[in-house]
Every structure is written in C-alpha cells, then in structure tokens.
C-alpha atoms as a PDB file:
ATOM      1  CA  MET A   1       0.000   0.000   0.000  1.00  0.00           C
ATOM      2  CA  GLY A   2       1.384   3.432  -0.951  1.00  0.00           C
ATOM      3  CA  PHE A   3       0.438   7.025  -1.551  1.00  0.00           C
ATOM      4  CA  PRO A   4      -2.748   7.739  -3.509  1.00  0.00           C
ATOM      5  CA  SER A   5      -2.004   8.680  -7.118  1.00  0.00           C
ATOM      6  CA  ALA A   6      -3.836  12.003  -7.013  1.00  0.00           C
ATOM      7  CA  VAL A   7      -4.669  14.728  -4.541  1.00  0.00           C
ATOM      8  CA  ASP A   8      -7.840  16.701  -3.983  1.00  0.00           C
ATOM      9  CA  ILE A   9      -6.601  20.156  -2.990  1.00  0.00           C
ATOM     10  CA  ASP A  10      -9.981  21.057  -1.523  1.00  0.00           C
ATOM     11  CA  SER A  11     -10.104  18.148   0.909  1.00  0.00           C
ATOM     12  CA  ASP A  12      -6.560  16.973   1.615  1.00  0.00           C
ATOM     13  CA  PRO A  13      -5.091  19.036   4.475  1.00  0.00           C
ATOM     14  CA  ARG A  14      -1.513  17.995   3.708  1.00  0.00           C
ATOM     15  CA  VAL A  15      -1.325  19.875   0.402  1.00  0.00           C
ATOM     16  CA  THR A  16      -2.408  23.456   0.935  1.00  0.00           C
ATOM     17  CA  GLY A  17      -0.963  26.917   0.516  1.00  0.00           C
ATOM     18  CA  GLU A  18       0.038  26.887   4.180  1.00  0.00           C
ATOM     19  CA  TYR A  19       3.449  25.407   3.372  1.00  0.00           C
ATOM     20  CA  ILE A  20       3.660  26.290  -0.327  1.00  0.00           C
ATOM     21  CA  ARG A  21       4.858  29.538  -1.909  1.00  0.00           C
ATOM     22  CA  GLN A  22       5.119  30.512  -5.546  1.00  0.00           C
ATOM     23  CA  VAL A  23       7.346  33.169  -7.099  1.00  0.00           C
ATOM     24  CA  SER A  24       6.667  33.943 -10.743  1.00  0.00           C
ATOM     25  CA  SER A  25       8.549  35.851 -13.419  1.00  0.00           C
ATOM     26  CA  ASP A  26       7.120  36.632 -16.844  1.00  0.00           C
ATOM     27  CA  THR A  27       7.676  33.089 -18.087  1.00  0.00           C
ATOM     28  CA  ARG A  28       8.877  30.891 -15.191  1.00  0.00           C
ATOM     29  CA  THR A  29       7.612  29.880 -11.767  1.00  0.00           C
ATOM     30  CA  VAL A  30       9.476  28.714  -8.677  1.00  0.00           C
ATOM     31  CA  THR A  31       7.239  26.689  -6.354  1.00  0.00           C
ATOM     32  CA  LEU A  32       8.655  26.324  -2.847  1.00  0.00           C
ATOM     33  CA  VAL A  33       7.426  23.384  -0.786  1.00  0.00           C
ATOM     34  CA  GLY A  34       8.114  23.604   2.946  1.00  0.00           C
ATOM     35  CA  VAL A  35       8.714  20.342   4.785  1.00  0.00           C
ATOM     36  CA  VAL A  36       9.361  18.861   8.204  1.00  0.00           C
ATOM     37  CA  HIS A  37      12.087  16.369   7.450  1.00  0.00           C
ATOM     38  CA  ASP A  38      10.873  12.770   7.275  1.00  0.00           C
ATOM     39  CA  HIS A  39       7.336  13.693   8.328  1.00  0.00           C
ATOM     40  CA  PRO A  40       4.667  11.705   6.416  1.00  0.00           C
ATOM     41  CA  ALA A  41       2.564  14.793   5.651  1.00  0.00           C
ATOM     42  CA  SER A  42       5.607  16.580   4.265  1.00  0.00           C
ATOM     43  CA  THR A  43       6.669  13.533   2.261  1.00  0.00           C
ATOM     44  CA  TYR A  44       3.195  13.308   0.744  1.00  0.00           C
ATOM     45  CA  ARG A  45       3.097  17.042  -0.031  1.00  0.00           C
ATOM     46  CA  ALA A  46       6.514  17.100  -1.714  1.00  0.00           C
ATOM     47  CA  ARG A  47       5.666  14.107  -3.887  1.00  0.00           C
ATOM     48  CA  GLN A  48       2.221  15.369  -4.913  1.00  0.00           C
ATOM     49  CA  VAL A  49       3.383  18.869  -5.836  1.00  0.00           C
ATOM     50  CA  VAL A  50       6.210  17.520  -7.976  1.00  0.00           C
ATOM     51  CA  GLU A  51       3.931  14.969  -9.624  1.00  0.00           C
ATOM     52  CA  GLU A  52       1.237  17.523 -10.454  1.00  0.00           C
ATOM     53  CA  LEU A  53       3.453  20.389 -11.601  1.00  0.00           C
ATOM     54  CA  ASP A  54       6.025  18.195 -13.399  1.00  0.00           C
ATOM     55  CA  PRO A  55       8.728  20.903 -13.317  1.00  0.00           C
ATOM     56  CA  GLU A  56      11.765  21.056 -15.544  1.00  0.00           C
ATOM     57  CA  VAL A  57      13.932  21.314 -12.402  1.00  0.00           C
ATOM     58  CA  LEU A  58      13.542  19.729  -8.968  1.00  0.00           C
ATOM     59  CA  ALA A  59      15.714  21.608  -6.453  1.00  0.00           C
ATOM     60  CA  LEU A  60      16.314  20.046  -3.053  1.00  0.00           C
ATOM     61  CA  GLU A  61      17.684  21.335   0.235  1.00  0.00           C
ATOM     62  CA  LEU A  62      20.567  18.901  -0.052  1.00  0.00           C
ATOM     63  CA  PRO A  63      24.269  19.285  -0.848  1.00  0.00           C
ATOM     64  CA  PRO A  64      24.856  18.841  -4.574  1.00  0.00           C
ATOM     65  CA  ILE A  65      27.258  15.956  -3.940  1.00  0.00           C
ATOM     66  CA  SER A  66      24.535  14.128  -1.960  1.00  0.00           C
ATOM     67  CA  ILE A  67      22.098  13.922  -4.875  1.00  0.00           C
ATOM     68  CA  PRO A  68      23.408  10.593  -6.280  1.00  0.00           C
ATOM     69  CA  LEU A  69      22.690   8.885  -2.936  1.00  0.00           C
ATOM     70  CA  PHE A  70      19.123  10.168  -2.783  1.00  0.00           C
ATOM     71  CA  LYS A  71      18.562   9.135  -6.398  1.00  0.00           C
ATOM     72  CA  GLN A  72      19.572   5.640  -5.368  1.00  0.00           C
ATOM     73  CA  TYR A  73      17.119   5.793  -2.474  1.00  0.00           C
ATOM     74  CA  ALA A  74      14.396   6.820  -4.932  1.00  0.00           C
ATOM     75  CA  SER A  75      15.087   3.970  -7.364  1.00  0.00           C
ATOM     76  CA  THR A  76      12.730   1.508  -5.713  1.00  0.00           C
ATOM     77  CA  ASP A  77       9.225   0.223  -6.348  1.00  0.00           C
ATOM     78  CA  ARG A  78       8.237   1.150  -2.797  1.00  0.00           C
ATOM     79  CA  CYS A  79       6.161   4.293  -2.404  1.00  0.00           C
ATOM     80  CA  PRO A  80       7.279   6.151  -0.407  1.00  0.00           C
ATOM     81  CA  PRO A  81      10.916   4.964  -0.549  1.00  0.00           C
ATOM     82  CA  VAL A  82      12.352   3.411   2.607  1.00  0.00           C
ATOM     83  CA  PHE A  83      15.197   5.931   2.850  1.00  0.00           C
ATOM     84  CA  GLY A  84      15.511   9.621   2.095  1.00  0.00           C
ATOM     85  CA  GLY A  85      12.127  10.869   3.326  1.00  0.00           C
ATOM     86  CA  GLU A  86      10.505  13.675   1.377  1.00  0.00           C
ATOM     87  CA  MET A  87      13.597  14.205  -0.773  1.00  0.00           C
ATOM     88  CA  SER A  88      13.690  10.728  -2.310  1.00  0.00           C
ATOM     89  CA  ALA A  89       9.867  10.726  -2.556  1.00  0.00           C
ATOM     90  CA  ALA A  90      10.059  13.883  -4.675  1.00  0.00           C
ATOM     91  CA  ILE A  91      12.859  12.466  -6.819  1.00  0.00           C
ATOM     92  CA  GLN A  92      10.818   9.331  -7.404  1.00  0.00           C
ATOM     93  CA  VAL A  93       8.215  11.228  -9.465  1.00  0.00           C
ATOM     94  CA  ALA A  94      10.466  13.899 -10.988  1.00  0.00           C
ATOM     95  CA  THR A  95      10.920  13.775 -14.750  1.00  0.00           C
ATOM     96  CA  GLY A  96      13.294  16.715 -15.158  1.00  0.00           C
ATOM     97  CA  THR A  97      16.678  17.642 -13.738  1.00  0.00           C
ATOM     98  CA  THR A  98      17.281  17.103 -10.007  1.00  0.00           C
ATOM     99  CA  VAL A  99      19.802  19.335  -8.244  1.00  0.00           C
ATOM    100  CA  GLY A 100      20.961  20.081  -4.712  1.00  0.00           C
ATOM    101  CA  ILE A 101      21.011  23.728  -3.626  1.00  0.00           C
ATOM    102  CA  ASP A 102      22.197  23.542  -0.006  1.00  0.00           C
ATOM    103  CA  ARG A 103      25.628  23.749   1.632  1.00  0.00           C
ATOM    104  CA  PRO A 104      28.467  22.986   1.394  1.00  0.00           C
ATOM    105  CA  THR A 105      29.201  24.906  -1.810  1.00  0.00           C
ATOM    106  CA  GLY A 106      31.667  27.599  -2.751  1.00  0.00           C
ATOM    107  CA  GLY A 107      28.895  30.168  -2.941  1.00  0.00           C
ATOM    108  CA  PHE A 108      27.695  29.312   0.578  1.00  0.00           C
ATOM    109  CA  PHE A 109      31.173  29.657   2.099  1.00  0.00           C
ATOM    110  CA  GLN A 110      31.721  32.953   0.308  1.00  0.00           C
ATOM    111  CA  ARG A 111      28.456  34.369   1.644  1.00  0.00           C
ATOM    112  CA  LEU A 112      29.138  33.018   5.130  1.00  0.00           C
ATOM    113  CA  GLY A 113      32.584  34.619   5.163  1.00  0.00           C
ATOM    114  CA  GLN A 114      31.139  37.955   4.065  1.00  0.00           C
ATOM    115  CA  ASN A 115      28.508  37.807   6.820  1.00  0.00           C
ATOM    116  CA  LEU A 116      31.147  37.035   9.452  1.00  0.00           C
ATOM    117  CA  LEU A 117      33.327  39.927   8.308  1.00  0.00           C
ATOM    118  CA  ARG A 118      30.373  42.283   8.314  1.00  0.00           C
ATOM    119  CA  GLU A 119      29.029  41.378  11.765  1.00  0.00           C
ATOM    120  CA  ARG A 120      32.307  40.466  13.511  1.00  0.00           C
ATOM    121  CA  PRO A 121      30.706  38.101  16.044  1.00  0.00           C
ATOM    122  CA  SER A 122      32.365  36.731  19.187  1.00  0.00           C
ATOM    123  CA  LEU A 123      35.161  34.178  18.960  1.00  0.00           C
ATOM    124  CA  GLN A 124      32.852  31.492  20.393  1.00  0.00           C
ATOM    125  CA  THR A 125      30.284  32.199  17.681  1.00  0.00           C
ATOM    126  CA  VAL A 126      32.975  31.882  15.006  1.00  0.00           C
ATOM    127  CA  ARG A 127      34.081  28.571  16.540  1.00  0.00           C
ATOM    128  CA  ASN A 128      30.491  27.320  16.423  1.00  0.00           C
ATOM    129  CA  VAL A 129      30.191  28.368  12.776  1.00  0.00           C
ATOM    130  CA  VAL A 130      33.426  26.599  11.830  1.00  0.00           C
ATOM    131  CA  SER A 131      32.449  23.472  13.778  1.00  0.00           C
ATOM    132  CA  ASP A 132      29.088  23.282  12.009  1.00  0.00           C
ATOM    133  CA  ALA A 133      30.706  23.859   8.608  1.00  0.00           C
ATOM    134  CA  VAL A 134      33.148  21.006   9.209  1.00  0.00           C
ATOM    135  CA  LYS A 135      30.342  18.657  10.311  1.00  0.00           C
ATOM    136  CA  THR A 136      28.114  19.396   7.332  1.00  0.00           C
ATOM    137  CA  THR A 137      31.020  19.042   4.893  1.00  0.00           C
ATOM    138  CA  LYS A 138      32.018  15.681   6.386  1.00  0.00           C
ATOM    139  CA  HIS A 139      28.414  14.507   6.192  1.00  0.00           C
ATOM    140  CA  ALA A 140      28.128  15.498   2.531  1.00  0.00           C
ATOM    141  CA  ILE A 141      31.331  13.590   1.753  1.00  0.00           C
ATOM    142  CA  ILE A 142      29.963  10.529   3.561  1.00  0.00           C
ATOM    143  CA  CYS A 143      26.794  10.746   1.431  1.00  0.00           C
ATOM    144  CA  ARG A 144      28.883  10.820  -1.745  1.00  0.00           C
ATOM    145  CA  ALA A 145      30.964   7.870  -0.556  1.00  0.00           C
ATOM    146  CA  ALA A 146      27.788   5.928   0.257  1.00  0.00           C
ATOM    147  CA  ALA A 147      26.486   6.657  -3.248  1.00  0.00           C
ATOM    148  CA  THR A 148      29.728   5.311  -4.732  1.00  0.00           C
ATOM    149  CA  VAL A 149      29.383   2.123  -2.694  1.00  0.00           C
ATOM    150  CA  GLY A 150      25.759   1.790  -3.791  1.00  0.00           C
ATOM    151  CA  ALA A 151      26.632   2.270  -7.457  1.00  0.00           C
ATOM    152  CA  ARG A 152      29.311  -0.423  -7.341  1.00  0.00           C
ATOM    153  CA  THR A 153      27.563  -2.990  -5.156  1.00  0.00           C
ATOM    154  CA  SER A 154      23.806  -2.245  -5.440  1.00  0.00           C
ATOM    155  CA  VAL A 155      23.769  -2.011  -1.625  1.00  0.00           C
ATOM    156  CA  ARG A 156      21.760   0.913  -0.234  1.00  0.00           C
ATOM    157  CA  VAL A 157      23.701   2.540   2.617  1.00  0.00           C
ATOM    158  CA  GLU A 158      21.554   4.384   5.164  1.00  0.00           C
ATOM    159  CA  VAL A 159      23.587   7.443   6.147  1.00  0.00           C
ATOM    160  CA  ASP A 160      20.989   8.980   8.475  1.00  0.00           C
ATOM    161  CA  SER A 161      18.352   7.224  10.524  1.00  0.00           C
ATOM    162  CA  PRO A 162      14.909   8.648   9.665  1.00  0.00           C
ATOM    163  CA  VAL A 163      13.549  11.188  12.132  1.00  0.00           C
ATOM    164  CA  SER A 164      10.968   9.519  14.349  1.00  0.00           C
ATOM    165  CA  HIS A 165       7.491  11.059  14.480  1.00  0.00           C
ATOM    166  CA  ASP A 166       4.361  10.238  16.456  1.00  0.00           C
ATOM    167  CA  ILE A 167       2.482   9.352  13.287  1.00  0.00           C
ATOM    168  CA  ASP A 168       3.107   7.602   9.975  1.00  0.00           C
ATOM    169  CA  TRP A 169       1.800   7.795   6.398  1.00  0.00           C
ATOM    170  CA  THR A 170      -0.897   5.180   7.017  1.00  0.00           C
ATOM    171  CA  ASP A 171      -2.707   7.520   9.444  1.00  0.00           C
ATOM    172  CA  ALA A 172      -5.572   9.748   8.314  1.00  0.00           C
ATOM    173  CA  PRO A 173      -4.584  12.896   6.347  1.00  0.00           C
ATOM    174  CA  ASP A 174      -6.158  15.166   8.995  1.00  0.00           C
ATOM    175  CA  ASP A 175      -4.103  13.489  11.713  1.00  0.00           C
ATOM    176  CA  GLN A 176      -0.924  13.788   9.675  1.00  0.00           C
ATOM    177  CA  ALA A 177      -1.491  17.486   9.017  1.00  0.00           C
ATOM    178  CA  ARG A 178      -2.321  18.156  12.659  1.00  0.00           C
ATOM    179  CA  ASP A 179       0.802  16.375  13.866  1.00  0.00           C
ATOM    180  CA  GLU A 180       2.947  18.231  11.344  1.00  0.00           C
ATOM    181  CA  ARG A 181       1.751  21.600  12.670  1.00  0.00           C
ATOM    182  CA  LYS A 182       2.500  20.412  16.187  1.00  0.00           C
ATOM    183  CA  GLN A 183       6.015  19.429  15.136  1.00  0.00           C
ATOM    184  CA  VAL A 184       6.607  22.879  13.643  1.00  0.00           C
ATOM    185  CA  ARG A 185       5.504  24.616  16.845  1.00  0.00           C
ATOM    186  CA  ARG A 186       7.517  22.244  19.018  1.00  0.00           C
ATOM    187  CA  SER A 187      10.690  22.709  16.983  1.00  0.00           C
ATOM    188  CA  ARG A 188      10.512  26.492  17.157  1.00  0.00           C
ATOM    189  CA  SER A 189       9.859  26.466  20.902  1.00  0.00           C
ATOM    190  CA  PHE A 190      12.730  24.053  21.539  1.00  0.00           C
ATOM    191  CA  LEU A 191      15.227  26.132  19.584  1.00  0.00           C
ATOM    192  CA  ASN A 192      14.211  29.327  21.339  1.00  0.00           C
ATOM    193  CA  ALA A 193      14.403  27.734  24.778  1.00  0.00           C
ATOM    194  CA  PHE A 194      17.679  25.777  24.687  1.00  0.00           C
ATOM    195  CA  ARG A 195      20.133  27.540  22.387  1.00  0.00           C
ATOM    196  CA  THR A 196      22.881  29.648  23.927  1.00  0.00           C
ATOM    197  CA  ALA A 197      23.380  33.186  22.639  1.00  0.00           C
ATOM    198  CA  SER A 198      26.502  32.258  20.663  1.00  0.00           C
ATOM    199  CA  ARG A 199      24.863  29.151  19.230  1.00  0.00           C
ATOM    200  CA  SER A 200      21.794  31.141  18.212  1.00  0.00           C
ATOM    201  CA  GLN A 201      23.942  33.748  16.504  1.00  0.00           C
ATOM    202  CA  ALA A 202      25.979  31.078  14.726  1.00  0.00           C
ATOM    203  CA  SER A 203      22.811  29.378  13.476  1.00  0.00           C
ATOM    204  CA  ARG A 204      21.394  32.703  12.295  1.00  0.00           C
ATOM    205  CA  LEU A 205      24.579  33.555  10.355  1.00  0.00           C
ATOM    206  CA  GLU A 206      24.622  30.110   8.749  1.00  0.00           C
ATOM    207  CA  ASP A 207      20.917  30.240   7.885  1.00  0.00           C
ATOM    208  CA  VAL A 208      21.260  33.655   6.280  1.00  0.00           C
ATOM    209  CA  ALA A 209      24.130  32.416   4.106  1.00  0.00           C
ATOM    210  CA  ARG A 210      22.225  29.233   3.230  1.00  0.00           C
ATOM    211  CA  GLU A 211      19.042  31.095   2.303  1.00  0.00           C
ATOM    212  CA  GLU A 212      20.923  33.703   0.277  1.00  0.00           C
ATOM    213  CA  GLU A 213      22.722  30.995  -1.667  1.00  0.00           C
ATOM    214  CA  MET A 214      19.602  28.857  -2.171  1.00  0.00           C
ATOM    215  CA  ALA A 215      17.699  31.852  -3.531  1.00  0.00           C
ATOM    216  CA  ALA A 216      20.589  32.772  -5.819  1.00  0.00           C
ATOM    217  CA  ARG A 217      20.784  29.210  -7.167  1.00  0.00           C
ATOM    218  CA  LEU A 218      17.041  29.116  -7.792  1.00  0.00           C
ATOM    219  CA  LEU A 219      17.229  32.332  -9.786  1.00  0.00           C
ATOM    220  CA  GLN A 220      19.991  30.802 -11.910  1.00  0.00           C
ATOM    221  CA  LEU A 221      18.145  27.520 -12.353  1.00  0.00           C
ATOM    222  CA  ARG A 222      14.977  29.302 -13.409  1.00  0.00           C
ATOM    223  CA  GLU A 223      16.626  29.918 -16.750  1.00  0.00           C
ATOM    224  CA  GLU A 224      16.159  26.184 -17.383  1.00  0.00           C
ATOM    225  CA  GLY A 225      12.405  26.211 -16.744  1.00  0.00           C
ATOM    226  CA  ASP A 226       9.854  25.969 -13.960  1.00  0.00           C
ATOM    227  CA  ILE A 227      11.173  24.762 -10.597  1.00  0.00           C
ATOM    228  CA  VAL A 228       9.807  22.953  -7.584  1.00  0.00           C
ATOM    229  CA  ALA A 229      12.110  23.459  -4.593  1.00  0.00           C
ATOM    230  CA  VAL A 230      11.746  21.343  -1.461  1.00  0.00           C
ATOM    231  CA  VAL A 231      13.114  23.149   1.605  1.00  0.00           C
ATOM    232  CA  GLY A 232      12.733  23.014   5.366  1.00  0.00           C
ATOM    233  CA  ILE A 233       9.734  24.946   6.640  1.00  0.00           C
ATOM    234  CA  GLU A 234      12.047  27.143   8.703  1.00  0.00           C
ATOM    235  CA  HIS A 235      13.594  28.408   5.449  1.00  0.00           C
ATOM    236  CA  LEU A 236      10.390  28.645   3.398  1.00  0.00           C
ATOM    237  CA  ASP A 237       9.393  32.268   3.920  1.00  0.00           C
ATOM    238  CA  SER A 238      12.931  33.625   3.955  1.00  0.00           C
ATOM    239  CA  VAL A 239      13.807  32.050   0.603  1.00  0.00           C
ATOM    240  CA  ALA A 240      10.472  33.189  -0.842  1.00  0.00           C
ATOM    241  CA  GLU A 241      11.096  36.741   0.368  1.00  0.00           C
ATOM    242  CA  ARG A 242      14.549  36.778  -1.196  1.00  0.00           C
ATOM    243  CA  LEU A 243      13.131  35.592  -4.501  1.00  0.00           C
ATOM    244  CA  ASN A 244      10.330  38.094  -4.086  1.00  0.00           C
ATOM    245  CA  SER A 245      12.867  40.918  -4.159  1.00  0.00           C
ATOM    246  CA  VAL A 246      13.026  40.126  -7.881  1.00  0.00           C
ATOM    247  CA  ASP A 247       9.478  38.891  -8.519  1.00  0.00           C
ATOM    248  CA  GLU A 248       6.150  39.172  -6.756  1.00  0.00           C
ATOM    249  CA  ALA A 249       5.309  36.008  -4.787  1.00  0.00           C
ATOM    250  CA  ALA A 250       1.874  34.464  -4.983  1.00  0.00           C
ATOM    251  CA  SER A 251      -0.180  34.169  -1.783  1.00  0.00           C
ATOM    252  CA  PRO A 252      -1.357  30.825  -0.372  1.00  0.00           C
ATOM    253  CA  ASP A 253      -4.778  31.556  -1.937  1.00  0.00           C
ATOM    254  CA  ASP A 254      -3.119  32.000  -5.327  1.00  0.00           C
ATOM    255  CA  VAL A 255      -1.384  28.663  -4.884  1.00  0.00           C
ATOM    256  CA  ARG A 256      -4.735  27.025  -4.174  1.00  0.00           C
ATOM    257  CA  ASP A 257      -6.216  28.624  -7.313  1.00  0.00           C
ATOM    258  CA  HIS A 258      -3.241  27.415  -9.338  1.00  0.00           C
ATOM    259  CA  TYR A 259      -3.887  23.816  -8.354  1.00  0.00           C
ATOM    260  CA  ARG A 260      -7.597  24.091  -9.129  1.00  0.00           C
ATOM    261  CA  THR A 261      -6.918  25.265 -12.682  1.00  0.00           C
ATOM    262  CA  ASN A 262      -4.064  22.892 -13.585  1.00  0.00           C
END
C-alpha cells in the first residue's frame, strides 16, 4: 500500500498553501514546498506537488554531492521509498533535472565569510560556525561515498536514521497534518528555549548564508524552466522573500487557485 495517485486540494489538508509559496517571473515559476524532514505529511506534499506540476527542475535542500545517494534511495518500487524521506519521494516522481542547492558549496562559504566579516561576532560564535561547517562538509562527503558504494555494489547505505514522528503515512490525512503543525511549533519552541546566545547567533549567520545561496541558485536555475524546490519549513518564507525581491510572490490563496486550474 502506498500514496494515492492524485490529490484533492480542496479536501486533503496535507497539500495546501500553508506550506507552499510561488514566485513567478514573466515566463517561469518557482514553487517552494516547505517540509518537516521525514514527516509523512511533508513527504506526501513534496511528492504530490512535484507529480502535479512536473517541473523542468527539482531543487532540493541537499548538498549537490549528496544527490546521487538520494537518487539511489528513490530507485525503488516502494512508495514512499524506505530511505531519504521527502527528498527521495520527490525524486521518485520527478521527470526533469534534479539538483541540490544547499551547503556545502563555494557560494555558501563565500556568503558566510562575508557575513562574518560584516558582523564580527564573538570568537565562540565563530568557533560554532566553523564546527558546524566542518560537520556538514564531512556529512556530505559521507553521502557521496555511500552513493559510490551503492553504485558499485547495489547495496543501499543508510547514512541517516529517519527522524521519528508520532504518526506515519498510514494515518488519516487530517491526523498527519495536525501532527505536522505540532512538530513545527515544538521545533521552534525548543530552539528558542535551549540555544545559547553564541549558538543562536551562529545558526542565524549560517541560515542567512544558506538562504541567500539557495535563492541565488534558484534564480539561476529558473533559466532552465519551472522549478519545484523542497526546503525546510524554517527556510520557506525567507527564501520566498529573497526571490520576491526580484518577482512578486503568490499568496497561499493564489497557490490554491493554481492547483484548481491545472
């Protein structure tokens, strides 16, 4: 048993304008899909939007060198795939080009360095930034190595254990959507309550650089055609606003109308 093959935008609470933004130019549209990583509602939403819009480009909040691993995760008859959450579920139905737009990339490090020079944060904040950059780079390299192993041996290597949630994709759509909203609220409250000042500043500097670079990449990729971009919900509005500095973003109601007429 897998995902239904179609979605009714009027009745399915998992696929609404709440976590979808659209930014349109004269000829191209970037559709941003916000997700809670590995959540069944998010996995369903990412897959359905990609399947319905059939974009020329699928852009994922993943390092570019990690894409081969997630393509391997997606190459299965199981729906959704066992590994890779919403990212491999989106790849599974994509017919165009799939690209990663997240760190580590040269553009990200350049923007991060500029932000550090501009704000001149504390030494502890800089240490936190460097530590995080090293961890994410190592993880991306591990993903690429796992993809190489998979390509040579047909063995799927699970790099990350899926995030555990209180619900799964067999539960009712209303329950999935409700739990997803709860997860979003819980995540924001947790971060605000337990981060130190230097850790919060480091995360903010990294997020700004990530969102700047993701928006810049999406603007470049738009030359190739329409895009669906799957990003964490915490980045959704910021990336949309950065794109909106060039084009006018559609409201959630406009997104709903778009689905009704396509």
